[in-house]
């Protein structure tokens, strides 16, 4: 009888110990599950803090009819490659007068990104890359953001600029921002400026006839759509030169 009682006691003890260990394991697992979203949040916010750690940007000439931004004076969601990290669906504005990228903070503030940390960004279906003078582009070309309109072998980029000018209308000073675009085509190890149809054709002297034909067949008028015409000509040249 004593042996049976002792055995029963040992079974109960072991069972209790096993239950306690199982309960501890379940509690630990529950803590891990609960901690996982927190860990993800901390990792995400630590990366985001790097993005939103810029100084505040103040919109100047906000009441003027014309503006200093690329395409539109409203937030457009885009992608930015910043300090080696990619961020998607970021509300942004590109100030092409100052060549600066602005994003919207969670609290609504305008945050100016550190230009040297911006590798590239996409806004309104335009891909801008930061290119350094003497390294990525010709020494005489200015370091800054260039719109890559064709990314093939004969890479074609556009430097988009705006200048701030003033005029007096009814004793009021009005600011306006005329835009200029400067096109460059990569060939023979350097970028060549292309402004006219003639300069584009002279860049590819062996294929002038084919390039004229492709514009004609696609009904592209160089003067009316210089950007599309240059990109189409360069793309055609790369196909012919293969």
Protein backbone atom coordinates (compact mmCIF):
# COMPACT_ATOMS: atom_id res chain seq x y z
CA UNK A 1 0.00 0.00 0.00
CA UNK A 2 2.84 2.34 0.95
CA UNK A 3 4.59 1.56 -2.36
CA UNK A 4 1.41 2.34 -4.33
CA UNK A 5 0.95 5.66 -2.48
CA UNK A 6 4.57 6.65 -3.11
CA UNK A 7 4.27 5.83 -6.81
CA UNK A 8 1.06 7.83 -7.06
CA UNK A 9 2.74 10.80 -5.38
CA UNK A 10 5.72 10.67 -7.79
CA UNK A 11 3.38 10.52 -10.80
CA UNK A 12 1.48 13.54 -9.55
CA UNK A 13 4.73 15.41 -8.90
CA UNK A 14 6.11 14.68 -12.38
CA UNK A 15 2.79 15.55 -13.99
CA UNK A 16 2.70 18.84 -12.13
CA UNK A 17 6.27 19.62 -13.13
CA UNK A 18 5.50 18.79 -16.76
CA UNK A 19 2.39 20.97 -16.67
CA UNK A 20 4.35 23.84 -15.17
CA UNK A 21 7.02 23.56 -17.84
CA UNK A 22 4.34 23.48 -20.56
CA UNK A 23 2.65 26.51 -19.07
CA UNK A 24 5.96 28.40 -18.94
CA UNK A 25 6.68 27.45 -22.55
CA UNK A 26 3.23 28.64 -23.65
CA UNK A 27 3.69 31.90 -21.76
CA UNK A 28 7.10 32.41 -23.31
CA UNK A 29 5.69 31.66 -26.77
CA UNK A 30 2.85 34.11 -26.18
CA UNK A 31 5.35 36.79 -25.17
CA UNK A 32 7.38 36.11 -28.34
CA UNK A 33 4.26 36.39 -30.51
CA UNK A 34 3.27 39.62 -28.79
CA UNK A 35 6.80 41.00 -29.08
CA UNK A 36 7.10 40.25 -32.81
CA UNK A 37 4.87 43.11 -34.05
CA UNK A 38 6.60 45.43 -31.59
CA UNK A 39 9.96 44.38 -33.01
CA UNK A 40 8.72 44.97 -36.55
CA UNK A 41 7.39 48.39 -35.54
CA UNK A 42 10.69 49.37 -33.91
CA UNK A 43 12.65 48.30 -36.98
CA UNK A 44 10.29 50.14 -39.31
CA UNK A 45 10.26 53.32 -37.25
CA UNK A 46 14.03 53.34 -36.86
CA UNK A 47 14.33 53.29 -40.67
CA UNK A 48 11.57 55.89 -41.07
CA UNK A 49 13.24 58.17 -38.55
CA UNK A 50 16.21 58.33 -40.88
CA UNK A 51 13.93 59.43 -43.72
CA UNK A 52 12.02 62.02 -41.70
CA UNK A 53 15.07 63.42 -39.91
CA UNK A 54 15.49 66.40 -42.24
CA UNK A 55 14.93 70.08 -41.61
CA UNK A 56 11.60 71.76 -42.24
CA UNK A 57 10.89 73.13 -45.70
CA UNK A 58 8.90 76.33 -46.09
CA UNK A 59 6.90 76.82 -49.28
CA UNK A 60 7.83 80.19 -50.74
CA UNK A 61 5.74 82.13 -53.25
CA UNK A 62 2.78 79.99 -52.17
CA UNK A 63 0.23 82.55 -53.39
CA UNK A 64 1.73 82.98 -56.81
CA UNK A 65 0.02 81.57 -59.89
CA UNK A 66 3.18 79.82 -61.06
CA UNK A 67 5.27 77.60 -58.84
CA UNK A 68 8.76 76.20 -58.35
CA UNK A 69 7.81 72.50 -58.39
CA UNK A 70 8.02 69.82 -61.05
CA UNK A 71 4.77 69.36 -62.95
CA UNK A 72 2.31 70.13 -60.13
CA UNK A 73 2.06 72.05 -56.87
CA UNK A 74 0.48 69.17 -54.96
CA UNK A 75 1.66 66.06 -53.18
CA UNK A 76 2.29 63.07 -55.41
CA UNK A 77 3.05 59.61 -54.05
CA UNK A 78 6.35 58.26 -55.25
CA UNK A 79 9.36 56.11 -54.46
CA UNK A 80 12.65 57.37 -53.06
CA UNK A 81 15.95 55.53 -52.58
CA UNK A 82 17.36 57.34 -49.56
CA UNK A 83 20.60 56.50 -47.78
CA UNK A 84 20.50 52.97 -49.20
CA UNK A 85 16.87 52.32 -48.17
CA UNK A 86 13.88 52.23 -50.51
CA UNK A 87 10.67 53.95 -49.40
CA UNK A 88 7.44 53.53 -51.36
CA UNK A 89 4.21 55.55 -51.51
CA UNK A 90 5.84 58.66 -50.05
CA UNK A 91 4.03 61.99 -50.63
CA UNK A 92 6.60 64.27 -52.24
CA UNK A 93 7.27 67.51 -54.08
CA UNK A 94 10.30 68.18 -56.26
CA UNK A 95 11.47 71.80 -56.11
CA UNK A 96 13.33 72.07 -59.40
CA UNK A 97 14.27 75.72 -58.82
CA UNK A 98 16.43 74.72 -55.83
CA UNK A 99 16.88 71.10 -56.99
CA UNK A 100 15.57 69.73 -53.69
CA UNK A 101 13.22 66.87 -52.79
CA UNK A 102 10.52 67.51 -50.20
CA UNK A 103 8.37 64.89 -48.45
CA UNK A 104 5.36 65.18 -46.16
CA UNK A 105 5.78 64.18 -42.53
CA UNK A 106 3.09 62.21 -40.68
CA UNK A 107 2.12 65.41 -38.85
CA UNK A 108 1.71 67.33 -42.11
CA UNK A 109 5.02 69.22 -42.02
CA UNK A 110 7.18 69.64 -45.11
CA UNK A 111 10.51 67.84 -44.65
CA UNK A 112 13.53 68.62 -46.81
CA UNK A 113 15.59 65.53 -47.55
CA UNK A 114 19.39 65.71 -47.49
CA UNK A 115 20.21 65.86 -51.19
CA UNK A 116 23.48 63.92 -50.89
CA UNK A 117 21.56 60.97 -49.42
CA UNK A 118 18.97 60.82 -52.21
CA UNK A 119 20.20 58.27 -54.75
CA UNK A 120 17.09 58.43 -56.93
CA UNK A 121 13.33 58.93 -56.82
CA UNK A 122 10.28 58.35 -58.98
CA UNK A 123 7.53 60.95 -59.16
CA UNK A 124 4.68 61.22 -61.68
CA UNK A 125 6.23 58.36 -63.73
CA UNK A 126 9.56 60.20 -64.04
CA UNK A 127 12.73 58.57 -62.75
CA UNK A 128 15.23 61.09 -61.35
CA UNK A 129 18.76 60.03 -60.45
CA UNK A 130 21.36 62.10 -58.60
CA UNK A 131 24.46 62.28 -60.79
CA UNK A 132 27.80 63.72 -59.71
CA UNK A 133 29.89 65.98 -61.90
CA UNK A 134 33.12 64.35 -63.06
CA UNK A 135 31.98 60.95 -61.78
CA UNK A 136 28.64 60.03 -63.33
CA UNK A 137 28.49 62.86 -65.85
CA UNK A 138 30.86 65.22 -67.66
CA UNK A 139 32.95 67.53 -65.42
CA UNK A 140 31.30 70.63 -66.89
CA UNK A 141 27.81 69.33 -66.10
CA UNK A 142 26.28 70.31 -62.80
CA UNK A 143 25.81 67.77 -59.97
CA UNK A 144 22.14 67.22 -59.28
CA UNK A 145 18.99 65.35 -60.24
CA UNK A 146 18.54 64.27 -63.86
CA UNK A 147 15.40 62.77 -65.36
CA UNK A 148 16.32 59.47 -67.06
CA UNK A 149 14.00 59.35 -70.07
CA UNK A 150 15.81 56.45 -71.73
CA UNK A 151 17.89 53.91 -69.82
CA UNK A 152 19.46 51.89 -72.62
CA UNK A 153 23.09 51.83 -73.76
CA UNK A 154 22.86 55.39 -75.08
CA UNK A 155 21.37 56.65 -71.84
CA UNK A 156 19.41 59.86 -72.27
CA UNK A 157 18.91 62.28 -69.39
CA UNK A 158 17.24 65.64 -68.89
CA UNK A 159 18.26 68.41 -66.57
CA UNK A 160 15.01 70.20 -65.68
CA UNK A 161 15.37 73.71 -64.30
CA UNK A 162 13.27 76.69 -63.39
CA UNK A 163 14.40 80.27 -62.91
CA UNK A 164 12.63 82.72 -60.64
CA UNK A 165 11.69 85.97 -62.30
CA UNK A 166 9.56 88.90 -61.25
CA UNK A 167 7.25 91.33 -62.96
CA UNK A 168 5.12 94.20 -61.70
CA UNK A 169 1.40 93.96 -62.36
CA UNK A 170 -0.84 96.74 -61.03
CA UNK A 171 1.85 97.80 -58.54
CA UNK A 172 2.21 94.23 -57.29
CA UNK A 173 5.33 92.10 -57.61
CA UNK A 174 4.46 88.80 -59.27
CA UNK A 175 6.89 85.89 -59.27
CA UNK A 176 6.89 83.42 -62.14
CA UNK A 177 8.95 80.35 -62.93
CA UNK A 178 9.75 79.64 -66.59
CA UNK A 179 11.09 76.11 -67.12
CA UNK A 180 13.92 74.92 -69.34
CA UNK A 181 14.96 71.37 -70.18
CA UNK A 182 18.49 70.37 -71.20
CA UNK A 183 18.91 67.01 -72.95
CA UNK A 184 22.04 64.84 -72.90
CA UNK A 185 22.77 61.57 -74.71
CA UNK A 186 25.54 59.19 -73.62
CA UNK A 187 27.78 58.13 -76.51
CA UNK A 188 31.47 57.27 -76.86
CA UNK A 189 32.08 57.51 -73.12
CA UNK A 190 30.57 60.94 -72.49
CA UNK A 191 27.32 62.90 -72.52
CA UNK A 192 26.49 65.04 -75.55
CA UNK A 193 24.02 67.94 -75.38
CA UNK A 194 21.12 67.63 -77.81
CA UNK A 195 18.82 70.60 -78.38
CA UNK A 196 17.71 70.42 -82.01
CA UNK A 197 16.80 67.76 -84.52
CA UNK A 198 20.01 68.58 -86.38
CA UNK A 199 22.20 68.02 -83.31
CA UNK A 200 20.46 64.70 -82.65
CA UNK A 201 21.01 63.49 -86.21
CA UNK A 202 24.66 64.62 -86.20
CA UNK A 203 25.22 62.45 -83.14
CA UNK A 204 24.28 59.39 -85.25
CA UNK A 205 25.55 60.28 -88.75
CA UNK A 206 25.38 56.69 -90.08
CA UNK A 207 21.66 56.34 -89.35
CA UNK A 208 20.14 59.69 -90.28
CA UNK A 209 17.78 58.18 -92.84
CA UNK A 210 16.43 55.54 -90.42
CA UNK A 211 15.97 58.08 -87.62
CA UNK A 212 14.07 60.48 -89.85
CA UNK A 213 11.88 57.60 -90.99
CA UNK A 214 11.03 56.41 -87.47
CA UNK A 215 9.87 59.92 -86.51
CA UNK A 216 7.78 60.14 -89.67
CA UNK A 217 6.23 56.70 -89.19
CA UNK A 218 5.34 57.45 -85.57
CA UNK A 219 4.07 60.93 -86.48
CA UNK A 220 6.40 62.60 -83.98
CA UNK A 221 7.13 66.27 -84.67
CA UNK A 222 10.48 67.23 -83.15
CA UNK A 223 9.52 70.84 -82.41
CA UNK A 224 6.21 69.90 -80.82
CA UNK A 225 7.50 66.97 -78.74
CA UNK A 226 11.26 67.23 -78.48
CA UNK A 227 11.48 64.87 -75.50
CA UNK A 228 9.61 62.01 -77.16
CA UNK A 229 11.47 62.57 -80.43
CA UNK A 230 14.93 62.40 -78.83
CA UNK A 231 14.08 59.32 -76.77
CA UNK A 232 12.65 57.56 -79.84
CA UNK A 233 15.67 58.41 -81.97
CA UNK A 234 18.15 57.20 -79.36
CA UNK A 235 16.22 53.99 -78.76
CA UNK A 236 16.10 53.34 -82.50
CA UNK A 237 19.83 53.96 -82.81
CA UNK A 238 20.57 51.41 -80.06
CA UNK A 239 18.44 48.83 -81.86
CA UNK A 240 20.20 49.48 -85.15
CA UNK A 241 23.66 49.41 -83.57
CA UNK A 242 23.25 45.95 -82.02
